[in-house]
Amino acid sequence: AAPYLDAISGAVSAWAALPKPTIAAMNGSALGGGLE
């Protein structure tokens, strides 16, 4: 399971570290990794 968690956490961390302002335009529900 580790590679799957690493993939999601890595993607989220990359977006959190993006120096430009970011907007989540949530067109519907967000659960788990989607909300993260």
PDB file of all heavy atoms in Angstrom:
ATOM      1  N   ALA A   1       0.801  -1.225   0.000  1.00  0.00           N
ATOM      2  CA  ALA A   1       0.000   0.000   0.000  1.00  0.00           C
ATOM      3  C   ALA A   1       0.834   1.275   0.000  1.00  0.00           C
ATOM      4  O   ALA A   1       0.351   2.330  -0.415  1.00  0.00           O
ATOM      5  CB  ALA A   1      -0.935   0.010   1.206  1.00  0.00           C
ATOM      6  N   ALA A   2       2.074   1.208   0.463  1.00  0.00           N
ATOM      7  CA  ALA A   2       2.885   2.418   0.620  1.00  0.00           C
ATOM      8  C   ALA A   2       3.016   3.246  -0.656  1.00  0.00           C
ATOM      9  O   ALA A   2       2.883   4.475  -0.607  1.00  0.00           O
ATOM     10  CB  ALA A   2       4.263   2.056   1.162  1.00  0.00           C
ATOM     11  N   PRO A   3       3.266   2.641  -1.818  1.00  0.00           N
ATOM     12  CA  PRO A   3       3.397   3.466  -3.029  1.00  0.00           C
ATOM     13  C   PRO A   3       2.142   4.265  -3.366  1.00  0.00           C
ATOM     14  O   PRO A   3       2.231   5.363  -3.912  1.00  0.00           O
ATOM     15  CB  PRO A   3       3.701   2.430  -4.122  1.00  0.00           C
ATOM     16  CG  PRO A   3       4.303   1.270  -3.393  1.00  0.00           C
ATOM     17  CD  PRO A   3       3.577   1.227  -2.090  1.00  0.00           C
ATOM     18  N   TYR A   4       0.973   3.727  -3.028  1.00  0.00           N
ATOM     19  CA  TYR A   4      -0.263   4.447  -3.316  1.00  0.00           C
ATOM     20  C   TYR A   4      -0.397   5.678  -2.418  1.00  0.00           C
ATOM     21  O   TYR A   4      -0.772   6.757  -2.877  1.00  0.00           O
ATOM     22  CB  TYR A   4      -1.457   3.510  -3.129  1.00  0.00           C
ATOM     23  CG  TYR A   4      -1.507   2.406  -4.163  1.00  0.00           C
ATOM     24  CD1 TYR A   4      -0.868   1.191  -3.946  1.00  0.00           C
ATOM     25  CD2 TYR A   4      -2.174   2.598  -5.366  1.00  0.00           C
ATOM     26  CE1 TYR A   4      -0.897   0.186  -4.898  1.00  0.00           C
ATOM     27  CE2 TYR A   4      -2.211   1.594  -6.325  1.00  0.00           C
ATOM     28  CZ  TYR A   4      -1.569   0.395  -6.091  1.00  0.00           C
ATOM     29  OH  TYR A   4      -1.600  -0.590  -7.041  1.00  0.00           O
ATOM     30  N   LEU A   5      -0.089   5.494  -1.139  1.00  0.00           N
ATOM     31  CA  LEU A   5      -0.144   6.633  -0.222  1.00  0.00           C
ATOM     32  C   LEU A   5       0.926   7.658  -0.568  1.00  0.00           C
ATOM     33  O   LEU A   5       0.673   8.868  -0.546  1.00  0.00           O
ATOM     34  CB  LEU A   5       0.035   6.169   1.221  1.00  0.00           C
ATOM     35  CG  LEU A   5       0.040   7.278   2.287  1.00  0.00           C
ATOM     36  CD1 LEU A   5      -1.253   8.092   2.224  1.00  0.00           C
ATOM     37  CD2 LEU A   5       0.231   6.688   3.670  1.00  0.00           C
ATOM     38  N   ASP A   6       2.117   7.180  -0.912  1.00  0.00           N
ATOM     39  CA  ASP A   6       3.187   8.096  -1.303  1.00  0.00           C
ATOM     40  C   ASP A   6       2.770   8.931  -2.513  1.00  0.00           C
ATOM     41  O   ASP A   6       3.111  10.120  -2.602  1.00  0.00           O
ATOM     42  CB  ASP A   6       4.463   7.324  -1.630  1.00  0.00           C
ATOM     43  CG  ASP A   6       5.108   6.698  -0.404  1.00  0.00           C
ATOM     44  OD1 ASP A   6       4.762   7.104   0.716  1.00  0.00           O
ATOM     45  OD2 ASP A   6       5.955   5.798  -0.580  1.00  0.00           O
ATOM     46  N   ALA A   7       2.056   8.315  -3.441  1.00  0.00           N
ATOM     47  CA  ALA A   7       1.640   9.024  -4.646  1.00  0.00           C
ATOM     48  C   ALA A   7       0.681  10.153  -4.313  1.00  0.00           C
ATOM     49  O   ALA A   7       0.837  11.289  -4.793  1.00  0.00           O
ATOM     50  CB  ALA A   7       0.996   8.049  -5.627  1.00  0.00           C
ATOM     51  N   ILE A   8      -0.323   9.864  -3.480  1.00  0.00           N
ATOM     52  CA  ILE A   8      -1.304  10.892  -3.133  1.00  0.00           C
ATOM     53  C   ILE A   8      -0.682  11.983  -2.273  1.00  0.00           C
ATOM     54  O   ILE A   8      -0.857  13.177  -2.527  1.00  0.00           O
ATOM     55  CB  ILE A   8      -2.512  10.274  -2.413  1.00  0.00           C
ATOM     56  CG1 ILE A   8      -3.274   9.351  -3.368  1.00  0.00           C
ATOM     57  CG2 ILE A   8      -3.440  11.356  -1.882  1.00  0.00           C
ATOM     58  CD1 ILE A   8      -4.467   8.670  -2.742  1.00  0.00           C
ATOM     59  N   SER A   9       0.057  11.583  -1.235  1.00  0.00           N
ATOM     60  CA  SER A   9       0.656  12.593  -0.357  1.00  0.00           C
ATOM     61  C   SER A   9       1.673  13.439  -1.112  1.00  0.00           C
ATOM     62  O   SER A   9       1.793  14.650  -0.868  1.00  0.00           O
ATOM     63  CB  SER A   9       1.310  11.930   0.861  1.00  0.00           C
ATOM     64  OG  SER A   9       2.353  11.050   0.468  1.00  0.00           O
ATOM     65  N   GLY A  10       2.392  12.829  -2.057  1.00  0.00           N
ATOM     66  CA  GLY A  10       3.347  13.588  -2.855  1.00  0.00           C
ATOM     67  C   GLY A  10       2.673  14.616  -3.735  1.00  0.00           C
ATOM     68  O   GLY A  10       3.142  15.753  -3.863  1.00  0.00           O
ATOM     69  N   ALA A  11       1.531  14.228  -4.333  1.00  0.00           N
ATOM     70  CA  ALA A  11       0.799  15.161  -5.187  1.00  0.00           C
ATOM     71  C   ALA A  11       0.243  16.318  -4.372  1.00  0.00           C
ATOM     72  O   ALA A  11       0.347  17.491  -4.767  1.00  0.00           O
ATOM     73  CB  ALA A  11      -0.321  14.425  -5.916  1.00  0.00           C
ATOM     74  N   VAL A  12      -0.348  16.014  -3.226  1.00  0.00           N
ATOM     75  CA  VAL A  12      -0.913  17.070  -2.371  1.00  0.00           C
ATOM     76  C   VAL A  12       0.190  18.005  -1.877  1.00  0.00           C
ATOM     77  O   VAL A  12       0.030  19.232  -1.889  1.00  0.00           O
ATOM     78  CB  VAL A  12      -1.676  16.455  -1.190  1.00  0.00           C
ATOM     79  CG1 VAL A  12      -2.111  17.537  -0.208  1.00  0.00           C
ATOM     80  CG2 VAL A  12      -2.895  15.680  -1.689  1.00  0.00           C
ATOM     81  N   SER A  13       1.296  17.438  -1.462  1.00  0.00           N
ATOM     82  CA  SER A  13       2.409  18.266  -0.983  1.00  0.00           C
ATOM     83  C   SER A  13       2.944  19.174  -2.084  1.00  0.00           C
ATOM     84  O   SER A  13       3.311  20.330  -1.833  1.00  0.00           O
ATOM     85  CB  SER A  13       3.531  17.383  -0.437  1.00  0.00           C
ATOM     86  OG  SER A  13       3.126  16.702   0.721  1.00  0.00           O
ATOM     87  N   ALA A  14       2.980  18.655  -3.314  1.00  0.00           N
ATOM     88  CA  ALA A  14       3.456  19.466  -4.436  1.00  0.00           C
ATOM     89  C   ALA A  14       2.535  20.654  -4.681  1.00  0.00           C
ATOM     90  O   ALA A  14       3.003  21.773  -4.941  1.00  0.00           O
ATOM     91  CB  ALA A  14       3.556  18.602  -5.693  1.00  0.00           C
ATOM     92  N   TRP A  15       1.227  20.435  -4.555  1.00  0.00           N
ATOM     93  CA  TRP A  15       0.287  21.540  -4.743  1.00  0.00           C
ATOM     94  C   TRP A  15       0.364  22.526  -3.587  1.00  0.00           C
ATOM     95  O   TRP A  15       0.268  23.734  -3.788  1.00  0.00           O
ATOM     96  CB  TRP A  15      -1.133  21.005  -4.911  1.00  0.00           C
ATOM     97  CG  TRP A  15      -1.348  20.574  -6.325  1.00  0.00           C
ATOM     98  CD1 TRP A  15      -1.037  19.349  -6.877  1.00  0.00           C
ATOM     99  CD2 TRP A  15      -1.825  21.379  -7.405  1.00  0.00           C
ATOM    100  NE1 TRP A  15      -1.311  19.360  -8.215  1.00  0.00           N
ATOM    101  CE2 TRP A  15      -1.796  20.578  -8.573  1.00  0.00           C
ATOM    102  CE3 TRP A  15      -2.290  22.684  -7.486  1.00  0.00           C
ATOM    103  CZ2 TRP A  15      -2.208  21.059  -9.810  1.00  0.00           C
ATOM    104  CZ3 TRP A  15      -2.697  23.173  -8.718  1.00  0.00           C
ATOM    105  CH2 TRP A  15      -2.657  22.362  -9.866  1.00  0.00           C
ATOM    106  N   ALA A  16       0.561  22.026  -2.388  1.00  0.00           N
ATOM    107  CA  ALA A  16       0.680  22.913  -1.233  1.00  0.00           C
ATOM    108  C   ALA A  16       1.939  23.772  -1.328  1.00  0.00           C
ATOM    109  O   ALA A  16       1.968  24.903  -0.835  1.00  0.00           O
ATOM    110  CB  ALA A  16       0.687  22.103   0.056  1.00  0.00           C
ATOM    111  N   ALA A  17       2.979  23.239  -1.962  1.00  0.00           N
ATOM    112  CA  ALA A  17       4.247  23.959  -2.073  1.00  0.00           C
ATOM    113  C   ALA A  17       4.305  24.875  -3.288  1.00  0.00           C
ATOM    114  O   ALA A  17       5.262  25.638  -3.437  1.00  0.00           O
ATOM    115  CB  ALA A  17       5.404  22.956  -2.141  1.00  0.00           C
ATOM    116  N   LEU A  18       3.308  24.814  -4.155  1.00  0.00           N
ATOM    117  CA  LEU A  18       3.311  25.633  -5.360  1.00  0.00           C
ATOM    118  C   LEU A  18       3.338  27.108  -4.958  1.00  0.00           C
ATOM    119  O   LEU A  18       2.485  27.553  -4.195  1.00  0.00           O
ATOM    120  CB  LEU A  18       2.053  25.327  -6.180  1.00  0.00           C
ATOM    121  CG  LEU A  18       2.115  25.520  -7.690  1.00  0.00           C
ATOM    122  CD1 LEU A  18       1.016  24.704  -8.367  1.00  0.00           C
ATOM    123  CD2 LEU A  18       1.996  26.973  -8.081  1.00  0.00           C
ATOM    124  N   PRO A  19       4.296  27.888  -5.432  1.00  0.00           N
ATOM    125  CA  PRO A  19       4.421  29.277  -4.963  1.00  0.00           C
ATOM    126  C   PRO A  19       3.350  30.215  -5.494  1.00  0.00           C
ATOM    127  O   PRO A  19       3.163  31.303  -4.945  1.00  0.00           O
ATOM    128  CB  PRO A  19       5.813  29.688  -5.472  1.00  0.00           C
ATOM    129  CG  PRO A  19       6.068  28.797  -6.637  1.00  0.00           C
ATOM    130  CD  PRO A  19       5.420  27.496  -6.307  1.00  0.00           C
ATOM    131  N   LYS A  20       2.652  29.825  -6.541  1.00  0.00           N
ATOM    132  CA  LYS A  20       1.585  30.659  -7.093  1.00  0.00           C
ATOM    133  C   LYS A  20       0.288  30.396  -6.324  1.00  0.00           C
ATOM    134  O   LYS A  20       0.071  29.305  -5.797  1.00  0.00           O
ATOM    135  CB  LYS A  20       1.370  30.327  -8.577  1.00  0.00           C
ATOM    136  CG  LYS A  20       2.635  30.260  -9.406  1.00  0.00           C
ATOM    137  CD  LYS A  20       3.386  31.572  -9.429  1.00  0.00           C
ATOM    138  CE  LYS A  20       4.723  31.453 -10.150  1.00  0.00           C
ATOM    139  NZ  LYS A  20       4.615  31.205 -11.590  1.00  0.00           N
ATOM    140  N   PRO A  21      -0.617  31.375  -6.230  1.00  0.00           N
ATOM    141  CA  PRO A  21      -1.880  31.153  -5.534  1.00  0.00           C
ATOM    142  C   PRO A  21      -2.725  30.094  -6.243  1.00  0.00           C
ATOM    143  O   PRO A  21      -2.804  30.075  -7.474  1.00  0.00           O
ATOM    144  CB  PRO A  21      -2.552  32.525  -5.556  1.00  0.00           C
ATOM    145  CG  PRO A  21      -1.888  33.278  -6.656  1.00  0.00           C
ATOM    146  CD  PRO A  21      -0.488  32.759  -6.734  1.00  0.00           C
ATOM    147  N   THR A  22      -3.335  29.228  -5.460  1.00  0.00           N
ATOM    148  CA  THR A  22      -4.111  28.115  -6.006  1.00  0.00           C
ATOM    149  C   THR A  22      -5.539  28.154  -5.470  1.00  0.00           C
ATOM    150  O   THR A  22      -5.780  28.500  -4.322  1.00  0.00           O
ATOM    151  CB  THR A  22      -3.463  26.772  -5.633  1.00  0.00           C
ATOM    152  OG1 THR A  22      -3.254  26.729  -4.209  1.00  0.00           O
ATOM    153  CG2 THR A  22      -2.130  26.581  -6.346  1.00  0.00           C
ATOM    154  N   ILE A  23      -6.463  27.756  -6.332  1.00  0.00           N
ATOM    155  CA  ILE A  23      -7.882  27.769  -5.986  1.00  0.00           C
ATOM    156  C   ILE A  23      -8.463  26.395  -6.276  1.00  0.00           C
ATOM    157  O   ILE A  23      -8.329  25.878  -7.389  1.00  0.00           O
ATOM    158  CB  ILE A  23      -8.635  28.817  -6.819  1.00  0.00           C
ATOM    159  CG1 ILE A  23      -8.064  30.218  -6.591  1.00  0.00           C
ATOM    160  CG2 ILE A  23     -10.129  28.781  -6.515  1.00  0.00           C
ATOM    161  CD1 ILE A  23      -8.529  31.236  -7.615  1.00  0.00           C
ATOM    162  N   ALA A  24      -9.113  25.798  -5.293  1.00  0.00           N
ATOM    163  CA  ALA A  24      -9.864  24.567  -5.514  1.00  0.00           C
ATOM    164  C   ALA A  24     -11.300  24.964  -5.798  1.00  0.00           C
ATOM    165  O   ALA A  24     -12.010  25.434  -4.906  1.00  0.00           O
ATOM    166  CB  ALA A  24      -9.783  23.652  -4.293  1.00  0.00           C
ATOM    167  N   ALA A  25     -11.722  24.819  -7.050  1.00  0.00           N
ATOM    168  CA  ALA A  25     -13.100  25.117  -7.444  1.00  0.00           C
ATOM    169  C   ALA A  25     -13.855  23.795  -7.393  1.00  0.00           C
ATOM    170  O   ALA A  25     -13.872  23.034  -8.364  1.00  0.00           O
ATOM    171  CB  ALA A  25     -13.137  25.729  -8.839  1.00  0.00           C
ATOM    172  N   MET A  26     -14.461  23.514  -6.251  1.00  0.00           N
ATOM    173  CA  MET A  26     -15.038  22.197  -5.992  1.00  0.00           C
ATOM    174  C   MET A  26     -16.445  22.116  -6.572  1.00  0.00           C
ATOM    175  O   MET A  26     -17.409  22.619  -6.006  1.00  0.00           O
ATOM    176  CB  MET A  26     -14.997  21.906  -4.498  1.00  0.00           C
ATOM    177  CG  MET A  26     -13.564  21.786  -3.983  1.00  0.00           C
ATOM    178  SD  MET A  26     -13.439  21.239  -2.269  1.00  0.00           S
ATOM    179  CE  MET A  26     -13.811  22.769  -1.433  1.00  0.00           C
ATOM    180  N   ASN A  27     -16.510  21.481  -7.732  1.00  0.00           N
ATOM    181  CA  ASN A  27     -17.747  21.347  -8.491  1.00  0.00           C
ATOM    182  C   ASN A  27     -18.664  20.270  -7.937  1.00  0.00           C
ATOM    183  O   ASN A  27     -19.777  20.077  -8.433  1.00  0.00           O
ATOM    184  CB  ASN A  27     -17.425  21.005  -9.943  1.00  0.00           C
ATOM    185  CG  ASN A  27     -16.560  19.749 -10.023  1.00  0.00           C
ATOM    186  OD1 ASN A  27     -15.451  19.743  -9.502  1.00  0.00           O
ATOM    187  ND2 ASN A  27     -17.047  18.708 -10.674  1.00  0.00           N
ATOM    188  N   GLY A  28     -18.211  19.556  -6.910  1.00  0.00           N
ATOM    189  CA  GLY A  28     -18.993  18.494  -6.287  1.00  0.00           C
ATOM    190  C   GLY A  28     -18.310  18.062  -5.007  1.00  0.00           C
ATOM    191  O   GLY A  28     -17.449  18.771  -4.467  1.00  0.00           O
ATOM    192  N   SER A  29     -18.652  16.893  -4.554  1.00  0.00           N
ATOM    193  CA  SER A  29     -18.145  16.415  -3.266  1.00  0.00           C
ATOM    194  C   SER A  29     -16.658  16.114  -3.308  1.00  0.00           C
ATOM    195  O   SER A  29     -16.087  15.800  -4.359  1.00  0.00           O
ATOM    196  CB  SER A  29     -18.923  15.164  -2.850  1.00  0.00           C
ATOM    197  OG  SER A  29     -20.302  15.466  -2.710  1.00  0.00           O
ATOM    198  N   ALA A  30     -16.031  16.206  -2.147  1.00  0.00           N
ATOM    199  CA  ALA A  30     -14.606  15.906  -2.009  1.00  0.00           C
ATOM    200  C   ALA A  30     -14.420  15.091  -0.738  1.00  0.00           C
ATOM    201  O   ALA A  30     -14.776  15.540   0.353  1.00  0.00           O
ATOM    202  CB  ALA A  30     -13.776  17.186  -1.952  1.00  0.00           C
ATOM    203  N   LEU A  31     -13.871  13.901  -0.883  1.00  0.00           N
ATOM    204  CA  LEU A  31     -13.675  13.008   0.249  1.00  0.00           C
ATOM    205  C   LEU A  31     -12.229  12.528   0.298  1.00  0.00           C
ATOM    206  O   LEU A  31     -11.554  12.441  -0.730  1.00  0.00           O
ATOM    207  CB  LEU A  31     -14.606  11.799   0.139  1.00  0.00           C
ATOM    208  CG  LEU A  31     -16.108  12.094   0.085  1.00  0.00           C
ATOM    209  CD1 LEU A  31     -16.872  10.814  -0.198  1.00  0.00           C
ATOM    210  CD2 LEU A  31     -16.583  12.741   1.374  1.00  0.00           C
ATOM    211  N   GLY A  32     -11.754  12.209   1.499  1.00  0.00           N
ATOM    212  CA  GLY A  32     -10.429  11.628   1.652  1.00  0.00           C
ATOM    213  C   GLY A  32      -9.363  12.456   0.967  1.00  0.00           C
ATOM    214  O   GLY A  32      -9.231  13.663   1.184  1.00  0.00           O
ATOM    215  N   GLY A  33      -8.591  11.781   0.106  1.00  0.00           N
ATOM    216  CA  GLY A  33      -7.515  12.462  -0.596  1.00  0.00           C
ATOM    217  C   GLY A  33      -7.988  13.606  -1.466  1.00  0.00           C
ATOM    218  O   GLY A  33      -7.237  14.545  -1.738  1.00  0.00           O
ATOM    219  N   GLY A  34      -9.249  13.558  -1.908  1.00  0.00           N
ATOM    220  CA  GLY A  34      -9.786  14.667  -2.688  1.00  0.00           C
ATOM    221  C   GLY A  34      -9.912  15.929  -1.864  1.00  0.00           C
ATOM    222  O   GLY A  34      -9.591  17.028  -2.319  1.00  0.00           O
ATOM    223  N   LEU A  35     -10.375  15.777  -0.626  1.00  0.00           N
ATOM    224  CA  LEU A  35     -10.452  16.939   0.264  1.00  0.00           C
ATOM    225  C   LEU A  35      -9.045  17.372   0.669  1.00  0.00           C
ATOM    226  O   LEU A  35      -8.778  18.572   0.808  1.00  0.00           O
ATOM    227  CB  LEU A  35     -11.281  16.608   1.503  1.00  0.00           C
ATOM    228  CG  LEU A  35     -11.470  17.757   2.499  1.00  0.00           C
ATOM    229  CD1 LEU A  35     -12.052  18.991   1.821  1.00  0.00           C
ATOM    230  CD2 LEU A  35     -12.354  17.321   3.664  1.00  0.00           C
ATOM    231  N   GLU A  36      -8.145  16.419   0.846  1.00  0.00           N
ATOM    232  CA  GLU A  36      -6.765  16.784   1.193  1.00  0.00           C
ATOM    233  C   GLU A  36      -6.116  17.590   0.068  1.00  0.00           C
ATOM    234  O   GLU A  36      -5.328  18.511   0.328  1.00  0.00           O
ATOM    235  CB  GLU A  36      -5.965  15.526   1.512  1.00  0.00           C
ATOM    236  CG  GLU A  36      -6.382  14.905   2.844  1.00  0.00           C
ATOM    237  CD  GLU A  36      -5.710  13.581   3.134  1.00  0.00           C
ATOM    238  OE1 GLU A  36      -5.770  12.686   2.263  1.00  0.00           O
ATOM    239  OE2 GLU A  36      -5.142  13.426   4.227  1.00  0.00           O
TER     240      GLU A  36
END
